[in-house]
Amino acid sequence: MPRQTWKTGPAALLAAALFTIVATAPALANPDYWQREWPQTDFTKHSIEFDEIKSGGPPKDGIPSIDDPKFVALSEVTDLTDKEPVIGIAINGDMRAYPLRILIWHEIVNDTVGGVPVSVTYCPLCNAAVVFDRRVGDRVLDFGTTGKLRKSDLVMYDRQTESWWQQFTGEAIVGAMLGTTLKFVPARLESFENFRDRAPGGRVLVPNNPDMRRYGLNPYAYYDSSGAPFLYRGELPTAVPALSRVVAVGDHAWSLDHLRNVQRIETDDGLVVTWTPGQNSAMDTPNIEDGKDVGNVIVQRRESAGGDWVDVPYRVDFAFAFFAFRPDVQIVTP
């Protein structure tokens, strides 16, 4: 999650960020140092070792969340190609698409969909696209970026208590909300074409300021074909390459290559997992619209015998990240 500029290439930026982090690691893992930037965070409450936290480069809110999202009708979208990836959500008839060409630069969108307050999140370094219900009890939380990483994954914070949250798991890991876990909301990581076909009345997120970032460009060019994950020092999976993709649902996990080969999987507990071609990787070529085809995954289950099929929360993460957080789950391979 290094800060990107328009004049410096991604490789140089990654190297510069890594040098800075290595040089300052002892200080950056010290809550006394963090307290200057985080005076409201209760660092006496934590479930992780502080030396697991790394700086991603930017400061607090250096990667700005989108808190007042702007949407347009499908007919007004002019810059998205059919196979570009979006996070598609449908709640109470309200259908919205959040293009990764925007989320790759902002990582968090705080929104309300179908009357439900949600945070739509994307960690590029883990390819983790996760949507949360941002209600905790009678409180609605707003999330921002800390500029920190743990296991190469985005560490979020809520603006109400300034507790820190692991994006991958939805758990509060530092602060007053320690031990709280956000509820996952079903969403699809799908092509724009697939969203458009299933949601003809849907709306699409557009930048509030189109000139704020170079939307449509991938600031981590060729990351998903690189040899090793960035800012990750943990054990790597042996069954699959670190930066291959893993499709995960609860305690089930399959390599994307396996799912692509079989195209359909039915589990004993009623899940149906399918793969079809036609979605670009956002983490491949410099222009997202040119990325390699990683396909579309859908995960559903019947509500009851003979009932309607409903979407189930799932993820398509880089293998190293899934293994880092779920080493207990076997990844099924070809």
Protein backbone atom coordinates (compact mmCIF):
# COMPACT_ATOMS: atom_id res chain seq x y z
CA MET A 1 0.00 0.00 0.00
CA PRO A 2 2.80 2.48 -0.80
CA ARG A 3 1.97 6.04 -1.79
CA GLN A 4 2.16 6.29 -5.57
CA THR A 5 3.06 9.35 -7.60
CA TRP A 6 2.66 10.16 -11.28
CA LYS A 7 6.40 10.58 -11.89
CA THR A 8 7.88 7.52 -10.22
CA GLY A 9 7.46 3.92 -11.29
CA PRO A 10 5.88 1.33 -8.97
CA ALA A 11 9.07 -0.70 -8.56
CA ALA A 12 11.07 2.31 -7.38
CA LEU A 13 8.32 3.32 -5.00
CA LEU A 14 8.09 -0.16 -3.51
CA ALA A 15 11.84 -0.21 -2.95
CA ALA A 16 11.83 3.25 -1.38
CA ALA A 17 8.94 2.38 0.91
CA LEU A 18 10.63 -0.87 1.95
CA PHE A 19 13.88 0.96 2.79
CA THR A 20 11.98 3.47 4.93
CA ILE A 21 10.11 0.74 6.78
CA VAL A 22 13.22 -1.35 7.48
CA ALA A 23 15.15 1.70 8.65
CA THR A 24 12.45 2.86 11.06
CA ALA A 25 10.91 -0.47 12.13
CA PRO A 26 11.74 -0.23 15.87
CA ALA A 27 10.09 3.17 16.17
CA LEU A 28 7.10 2.31 14.02
CA ALA A 29 6.25 -0.71 16.18
CA ASN A 30 6.12 1.43 19.32
CA PRO A 31 2.71 2.65 20.55
CA ASP A 32 4.42 5.64 22.15
CA TYR A 33 5.41 6.70 18.63
CA TRP A 34 1.95 5.99 17.19
CA GLN A 35 0.22 7.93 19.98
CA ARG A 36 1.28 11.21 18.40
CA GLU A 37 -0.82 10.45 15.35
CA TRP A 38 -3.44 8.44 17.23
CA PRO A 39 -4.17 10.25 20.53
CA GLN A 40 -7.66 8.70 20.78
CA THR A 41 -6.58 5.08 20.28
CA ASP A 42 -6.37 2.90 23.40
CA PHE A 43 -3.16 0.98 22.75
CA THR A 44 -3.45 -0.88 26.07
CA LYS A 45 -6.06 -3.06 24.35
CA HIS A 46 -4.68 -5.22 21.56
CA SER A 47 -4.92 -8.82 20.34
CA ILE A 48 -1.81 -8.80 18.15
CA GLU A 49 1.89 -8.19 18.66
CA PHE A 50 2.75 -4.62 17.75
CA ASP A 51 5.79 -5.69 15.73
CA GLU A 52 3.35 -7.30 13.25
CA ILE A 53 2.26 -3.80 12.22
CA LYS A 54 4.21 -2.23 9.35
CA SER A 55 3.96 1.19 7.77
CA GLY A 56 2.60 1.03 4.24
CA GLY A 57 4.10 4.44 3.45
CA PRO A 58 1.14 6.88 3.67
CA PRO A 59 0.09 8.49 6.97
CA LYS A 60 -3.35 8.28 8.54
CA ASP A 61 -5.93 8.94 5.78
CA GLY A 62 -3.08 9.35 3.28
CA ILE A 63 -5.11 6.96 1.15
CA PRO A 64 -8.43 8.82 1.44
CA SER A 65 -11.63 6.87 1.95
CA ILE A 66 -14.70 7.95 0.00
CA ASP A 67 -17.29 9.17 2.50
CA ASP A 68 -19.74 10.95 0.19
CA PRO A 69 -19.93 8.56 -2.77
CA LYS A 70 -21.30 9.73 -6.09
CA PHE A 71 -23.14 7.40 -8.46
CA VAL A 72 -24.45 7.53 -12.01
CA ALA A 73 -26.87 5.37 -13.98
CA LEU A 74 -25.44 2.63 -16.18
CA SER A 75 -26.32 4.65 -19.27
CA GLU A 76 -24.02 7.46 -18.10
CA VAL A 77 -20.91 5.29 -17.65
CA THR A 78 -18.36 6.07 -20.35
CA ASP A 79 -14.98 4.95 -19.01
CA LEU A 80 -15.53 1.34 -17.91
CA THR A 81 -14.87 -1.50 -20.33
CA ASP A 82 -16.98 -4.64 -20.21
CA LYS A 83 -14.41 -6.85 -18.50
CA GLU A 84 -13.17 -4.38 -15.88
CA PRO A 85 -13.67 -5.61 -12.29
CA VAL A 86 -16.25 -4.10 -9.97
CA ILE A 87 -17.60 -5.03 -6.56
CA GLY A 88 -21.33 -5.53 -7.10
CA ILE A 89 -23.81 -5.25 -4.22
CA ALA A 90 -27.56 -5.85 -4.10
CA ILE A 91 -29.46 -5.01 -0.90
CA ASN A 92 -33.25 -4.61 -0.73
CA GLY A 93 -33.42 -3.94 -4.47
CA ASP A 94 -30.67 -1.31 -4.38
CA MET A 95 -27.90 -2.44 -6.76
CA ARG A 96 -24.56 -0.66 -6.95
CA ALA A 97 -21.19 -1.28 -8.56
CA TYR A 98 -17.87 -0.07 -7.16
CA PRO A 99 -15.13 -0.23 -9.83
CA LEU A 100 -11.71 -1.41 -8.69
CA ARG A 101 -10.24 1.37 -10.88
CA ILE A 102 -11.49 3.68 -8.08
CA LEU A 103 -11.08 1.43 -5.05
CA ILE A 104 -7.45 0.67 -5.87
CA TRP A 105 -6.75 4.35 -5.05
CA HIS A 106 -9.14 4.80 -2.09
CA GLU A 107 -9.54 1.31 -0.56
CA ILE A 108 -12.67 2.19 1.48
CA VAL A 109 -16.10 3.54 0.51
CA ASN A 110 -18.50 4.33 3.36
CA ASP A 111 -22.00 4.09 1.94
CA THR A 112 -25.61 3.12 2.67
CA VAL A 113 -27.15 0.58 0.29
CA GLY A 114 -30.80 -0.42 0.53
CA GLY A 115 -30.95 1.24 3.93
CA VAL A 116 -27.96 -0.73 5.27
CA PRO A 117 -24.78 1.19 6.24
CA VAL A 118 -21.84 -0.60 4.60
CA SER A 119 -18.14 -0.18 4.03
CA VAL A 120 -16.92 -1.44 0.67
CA THR A 121 -13.22 -2.24 1.00
CA TYR A 122 -10.40 -3.40 -1.24
CA CYS A 123 -6.82 -4.17 -0.24
CA PRO A 124 -4.78 -4.27 -3.47
CA LEU A 125 -1.81 -6.06 -1.92
CA CYS A 126 -4.02 -8.99 -0.89
CA ASN A 127 -6.65 -8.64 -3.65
CA ALA A 128 -9.12 -8.74 -0.75
CA ALA A 129 -12.51 -7.29 -1.76
CA VAL A 130 -14.71 -7.31 1.34
CA VAL A 131 -17.98 -5.56 2.19
CA PHE A 132 -18.97 -5.02 5.82
CA ASP A 133 -22.12 -3.95 7.62
CA ARG A 134 -20.71 -1.01 9.58
CA ARG A 135 -23.26 -1.18 12.36
CA VAL A 136 -22.03 -2.34 15.77
CA GLY A 137 -24.90 -2.47 18.24
CA ASP A 138 -26.72 0.87 18.03
CA ARG A 139 -23.67 2.63 16.59
CA VAL A 140 -22.82 3.23 12.93
CA LEU A 141 -19.08 3.38 12.29
CA ASP A 142 -17.19 5.21 9.56
CA PHE A 143 -13.89 3.74 8.41
CA GLY A 144 -10.66 5.24 7.15
CA THR A 145 -7.16 3.98 6.34
CA THR A 146 -4.45 3.94 9.00
CA GLY A 147 -1.56 3.76 6.52
CA LYS A 148 -0.53 0.57 8.32
CA LEU A 149 -0.37 -3.03 7.18
CA ARG A 150 -0.46 -6.35 8.99
CA LYS A 151 0.47 -9.45 7.02
CA SER A 152 0.45 -7.12 4.00
CA ASP A 153 -3.25 -6.42 4.58
CA LEU A 154 -4.96 -3.07 5.08
CA VAL A 155 -5.46 -1.97 8.69
CA MET A 156 -8.55 0.24 8.88
CA TYR A 157 -9.72 2.46 11.73
CA ASP A 158 -13.13 3.68 12.80
CA ARG A 159 -13.53 7.41 13.30
CA GLN A 160 -15.78 7.01 16.33
CA THR A 161 -13.23 5.32 18.65
CA GLU A 162 -10.10 5.24 16.45
CA SER A 163 -9.83 1.50 17.05
CA TRP A 164 -7.81 -0.40 14.44
CA TRP A 165 -9.45 -3.15 12.39
CA GLN A 166 -8.05 -5.92 10.19
CA GLN A 167 -9.68 -5.58 6.79
CA PHE A 168 -9.19 -9.25 5.90
CA THR A 169 -11.10 -10.56 8.92
CA GLY A 170 -13.26 -7.59 9.94
CA GLU A 171 -11.91 -7.84 13.51
CA ALA A 172 -10.94 -4.97 15.78
CA ILE A 173 -7.32 -5.70 16.76
CA VAL A 174 -6.39 -2.55 18.71
CA GLY A 175 -8.41 -0.12 20.82
CA ALA A 176 -11.76 0.24 22.54
CA MET A 177 -13.60 -1.99 20.04
CA LEU A 178 -11.15 -4.88 20.59
CA GLY A 179 -12.72 -8.27 19.96
CA THR A 180 -15.62 -6.92 17.90
CA THR A 181 -16.10 -8.47 14.46
CA LEU A 182 -17.98 -6.79 11.65
CA LYS A 183 -20.63 -8.72 9.71
CA PHE A 184 -19.73 -9.62 6.13
CA VAL A 185 -22.22 -8.56 3.45
CA PRO A 186 -22.67 -10.72 0.32
CA ALA A 187 -21.08 -9.08 -2.72
CA ARG A 188 -19.64 -10.18 -6.04
CA LEU A 189 -16.25 -9.40 -7.49
CA GLU A 190 -17.43 -9.39 -11.10
CA SER A 191 -16.98 -7.82 -14.50
CA PHE A 192 -18.81 -4.60 -15.28
CA GLU A 193 -20.61 -6.47 -18.05
CA ASN A 194 -21.92 -9.11 -15.61
CA PHE A 195 -23.13 -6.44 -13.21
CA ARG A 196 -24.84 -4.53 -16.01
CA ASP A 197 -26.60 -7.69 -17.22
CA ARG A 198 -27.98 -8.62 -13.79
CA ALA A 199 -28.74 -5.07 -12.61
CA PRO A 200 -30.15 -3.01 -15.52
CA GLY A 201 -31.39 -0.40 -13.04
CA GLY A 202 -28.16 -0.34 -11.08
CA ARG A 203 -25.86 2.58 -10.35
CA VAL A 204 -22.10 2.87 -10.61
CA LEU A 205 -19.62 4.69 -8.37
CA VAL A 206 -17.72 7.52 -10.09
CA PRO A 207 -14.93 9.71 -8.70
CA ASN A 208 -16.01 12.86 -6.87
CA ASN A 209 -13.01 14.52 -8.49
CA PRO A 210 -11.92 12.73 -11.70
CA ASP A 211 -8.54 14.48 -11.58
CA MET A 212 -7.69 13.42 -8.02
CA ARG A 213 -6.02 10.17 -9.12
CA ARG A 214 -5.14 8.45 -12.37
CA TYR A 215 -8.27 6.33 -12.35
CA GLY A 216 -8.03 3.37 -14.68
CA LEU A 217 -4.29 2.90 -14.09
CA ASN A 218 -2.89 0.24 -11.79
CA PRO A 219 -0.24 1.78 -9.49
CA TYR A 220 0.99 -1.76 -8.65
CA ALA A 221 1.70 -2.85 -12.21
CA TYR A 222 2.37 -6.59 -12.69
CA TYR A 223 2.07 -7.24 -8.95
CA ASP A 224 0.07 -10.44 -9.36
CA SER A 225 2.80 -11.94 -11.56
CA SER A 226 5.69 -10.91 -9.30
CA GLY A 227 7.70 -13.44 -7.35
CA ALA A 228 6.79 -12.43 -3.81
CA PRO A 229 4.22 -10.34 -1.92
CA PHE A 230 5.16 -6.85 -0.78
CA LEU A 231 5.80 -6.16 2.91
CA TYR A 232 5.04 -9.72 3.94
CA ARG A 233 7.46 -11.68 6.10
CA GLY A 234 5.37 -14.70 7.06
CA GLU A 235 5.27 -18.28 5.92
CA LEU A 236 4.11 -18.89 2.34
CA PRO A 237 1.77 -21.63 1.12
CA THR A 238 3.40 -24.63 -0.53
CA ALA A 239 0.38 -25.96 -2.43
CA VAL A 240 -0.02 -22.91 -4.67
CA PRO A 241 2.10 -19.91 -5.76
CA ALA A 242 2.00 -17.01 -3.29
CA LEU A 243 0.36 -14.58 -5.72
CA SER A 244 -2.06 -17.01 -7.33
CA ARG A 245 -5.71 -16.60 -6.36
CA VAL A 246 -7.73 -18.60 -3.86
CA VAL A 247 -11.54 -18.72 -3.77
CA ALA A 248 -12.69 -19.01 -0.16
CA VAL A 249 -16.07 -19.42 1.52
CA GLY A 250 -16.01 -19.99 5.26
CA ASP A 251 -13.89 -23.10 5.83
CA HIS A 252 -13.80 -24.03 2.13
CA ALA A 253 -10.99 -22.93 -0.18
CA TRP A 254 -10.08 -23.78 -3.76
CA SER A 255 -7.32 -22.50 -5.98
CA LEU A 256 -8.75 -20.39 -8.78
CA ASP A 257 -6.96 -22.68 -11.25
CA HIS A 258 -8.90 -25.64 -9.85
CA LEU A 259 -12.23 -23.83 -10.04
CA ARG A 260 -11.44 -22.67 -13.57
CA ASN A 261 -10.76 -26.28 -14.58
CA VAL A 262 -13.99 -27.71 -13.14
CA GLN A 263 -16.11 -24.52 -13.51
CA ARG A 264 -18.68 -25.69 -10.95
CA ILE A 265 -18.38 -27.04 -7.41
CA GLU A 266 -21.19 -28.24 -5.14
CA THR A 267 -20.41 -28.78 -1.46
CA ASP A 268 -22.08 -31.07 1.07
CA ASP A 269 -23.36 -28.04 2.97
CA GLY A 270 -25.29 -26.67 -0.01
CA LEU A 271 -22.91 -24.19 -1.62
CA VAL A 272 -22.72 -23.88 -5.40
CA VAL A 273 -19.54 -22.19 -6.66
CA THR A 274 -19.21 -21.37 -10.36
CA TRP A 275 -16.57 -19.81 -12.60
CA THR A 276 -17.02 -18.17 -16.00
CA PRO A 277 -14.49 -16.21 -18.08
CA GLY A 278 -14.59 -12.48 -18.71
CA GLN A 279 -13.11 -10.39 -15.90
CA ASN A 280 -9.75 -8.60 -15.97
CA SER A 281 -7.27 -8.64 -13.13
CA ALA A 282 -6.88 -5.18 -11.58
CA MET A 283 -3.38 -6.08 -10.39
CA ASP A 284 -1.80 -7.06 -13.70
CA THR A 285 -1.01 -4.56 -16.48
CA PRO A 286 -0.55 -0.79 -15.98
CA ASN A 287 -3.96 -0.21 -17.60
CA ILE A 288 -6.60 -2.17 -15.73
CA GLU A 289 -8.69 -2.64 -18.88
CA ASP A 290 -5.82 -4.69 -20.38
CA GLY A 291 -5.38 -7.08 -17.44
CA LYS A 292 -5.38 -10.84 -17.88
CA ASP A 293 -8.66 -12.70 -17.66
CA VAL A 294 -9.16 -14.18 -14.17
CA GLY A 295 -12.86 -14.84 -14.67
CA ASN A 296 -15.99 -14.36 -12.58
CA VAL A 297 -16.87 -16.33 -9.45
CA ILE A 298 -20.38 -16.65 -8.01
CA VAL A 299 -21.21 -18.41 -4.74
CA GLN A 300 -24.82 -19.17 -3.85
CA ARG A 301 -27.00 -21.34 -1.61
CA ARG A 302 -30.74 -22.03 -1.54
CA GLU A 303 -32.59 -20.27 1.29
CA SER A 304 -34.68 -23.41 1.78
CA ALA A 305 -35.63 -26.56 -0.09
CA GLY A 306 -37.04 -25.36 -3.39
CA GLY A 307 -36.45 -21.72 -2.38
CA ASP A 308 -34.60 -18.93 -4.13
CA TRP A 309 -30.86 -18.94 -4.60
CA VAL A 310 -29.09 -16.26 -2.54
CA ASP A 311 -25.54 -14.92 -2.70
CA VAL A 312 -23.12 -15.98 0.01
CA PRO A 313 -20.09 -13.90 1.10
CA TYR A 314 -16.95 -15.20 -0.55
CA ARG A 315 -13.50 -13.91 -1.47
CA VAL A 316 -10.90 -14.24 -4.21
CA ASP A 317 -7.67 -13.45 -2.38
CA PHE A 318 -4.01 -13.85 -3.17
CA ALA A 319 -2.93 -17.22 -1.79
CA PHE A 320 -0.29 -15.86 0.60
CA ALA A 321 -2.88 -13.64 2.30
CA PHE A 322 -5.46 -16.38 2.65
CA PHE A 323 -2.79 -18.69 4.05
CA ALA A 324 -1.57 -16.00 6.47
CA PHE A 325 -5.00 -15.58 8.03
CA ARG A 326 -6.43 -19.08 7.53
CA PRO A 327 -3.51 -21.54 7.71
CA ASP A 328 -5.95 -24.10 9.13
CA VAL A 329 -7.94 -24.39 5.88
CA GLN A 330 -6.74 -26.74 3.16
CA ILE A 331 -6.63 -25.22 -0.32
CA VAL A 332 -7.98 -27.64 -2.92
CA THR A 333 -5.74 -27.68 -6.01
CA PRO A 334 -5.99 -29.28 -9.47
